[in-house]
Protein backbone atom coordinates (compact mmCIF):
# COMPACT_ATOMS: atom_id res chain seq x y z
CA MET A 1 7.81 -7.16 11.92
CA ASP A 2 10.60 -4.70 12.61
CA SER A 3 10.37 -0.93 12.19
CA LYS A 4 12.55 -0.99 9.06
CA GLN A 5 9.90 -3.10 7.34
CA ASN A 6 7.17 -0.67 8.40
CA GLU A 7 9.01 2.21 6.80
CA ASN A 8 9.48 0.23 3.62
CA LEU A 9 5.89 -0.95 3.22
CA GLY A 10 4.78 2.42 1.83
CA GLN A 11 7.77 2.55 -0.49
CA LYS A 12 7.05 -0.98 -1.67
CA ILE A 13 3.39 -0.16 -2.34
CA GLN A 14 4.47 2.94 -4.28
CA LYS A 15 7.01 0.94 -6.32
CA LEU A 16 4.50 -1.82 -7.16
CA ARG A 17 1.83 0.74 -8.04
CA LYS A 18 4.20 2.53 -10.42
CA GLU A 19 5.28 -0.77 -11.99
CA LYS A 20 1.63 -1.41 -12.79
CA GLY A 21 1.32 2.08 -14.24
CA MET A 22 -1.33 3.13 -11.74
CA SER A 23 -1.77 6.57 -10.21
CA GLN A 24 -2.40 6.91 -6.47
CA ASP A 25 -5.99 7.82 -7.29
CA GLU A 26 -6.47 4.69 -9.41
CA LEU A 27 -5.04 2.42 -6.73
CA ALA A 28 -7.08 4.06 -3.97
CA ARG A 29 -10.27 3.62 -6.01
CA LYS A 30 -9.46 0.02 -6.92
CA ALA A 31 -8.59 -0.79 -3.29
CA ASP A 32 -11.68 1.09 -2.08
CA ILE A 33 -9.70 3.12 0.46
CA PRO A 34 -9.51 6.90 0.81
CA TYR A 35 -6.94 8.57 -1.47
CA THR A 36 -5.51 10.43 1.53
CA THR A 37 -4.99 7.15 3.39
CA LEU A 38 -3.04 5.67 0.49
CA THR A 39 -0.84 8.74 0.10
CA LYS A 40 -0.10 8.80 3.84
CA ILE A 41 0.84 5.10 3.79
CA GLU A 42 3.13 5.63 0.78
CA ILE A 43 4.98 8.60 2.29
CA GLY A 44 5.20 6.96 5.71
CA VAL A 45 2.92 9.28 7.69
CA ILE A 46 0.86 6.22 8.59
CA LYS A 47 3.53 3.85 9.94
CA LYS A 48 1.22 0.97 10.82
CA PRO A 49 -1.74 0.92 8.44
CA SER A 50 -4.63 -1.35 9.35
CA VAL A 51 -4.42 -4.90 8.08
CA PHE A 52 -7.74 -4.29 6.30
CA ALA A 53 -6.31 -1.37 4.32
CA VAL A 54 -3.14 -3.31 3.45
CA ALA A 55 -5.20 -6.35 2.40
CA LYS A 56 -7.31 -4.16 0.09
CA ILE A 57 -4.17 -2.62 -1.40
CA ALA A 58 -2.64 -6.08 -1.93
CA GLU A 59 -5.81 -7.26 -3.68
CA ALA A 60 -5.87 -4.15 -5.87
CA LEU A 61 -2.22 -4.83 -6.79
CA GLU A 62 -3.23 -8.43 -7.64
CA MET A 63 -1.06 -10.04 -4.99
CA SER A 64 -1.51 -11.73 -1.66
CA LEU A 65 -1.16 -9.93 1.66
CA ASP A 66 1.81 -12.20 2.44
CA GLU A 67 3.57 -11.22 -0.79
CA LEU A 68 3.08 -7.53 -0.07
CA MET A 69 4.28 -7.86 3.54
CA GLU A 70 7.43 -9.88 2.87
């Protein structure tokens, strides 16, 4: 995975979340991750979130980890 993809993961999560009409709080709760962690991933403060956090986000967005990472 190149660094460009890392930067875009947060943006992609944000875009998908908005498409589903979810707030950051709703997604964080559904994914069972801290709200602050989700916001930091979305804005790119956390460049390489743990695979566990990303997997939970993918599940909350009703998609596979592979789909979210591509």
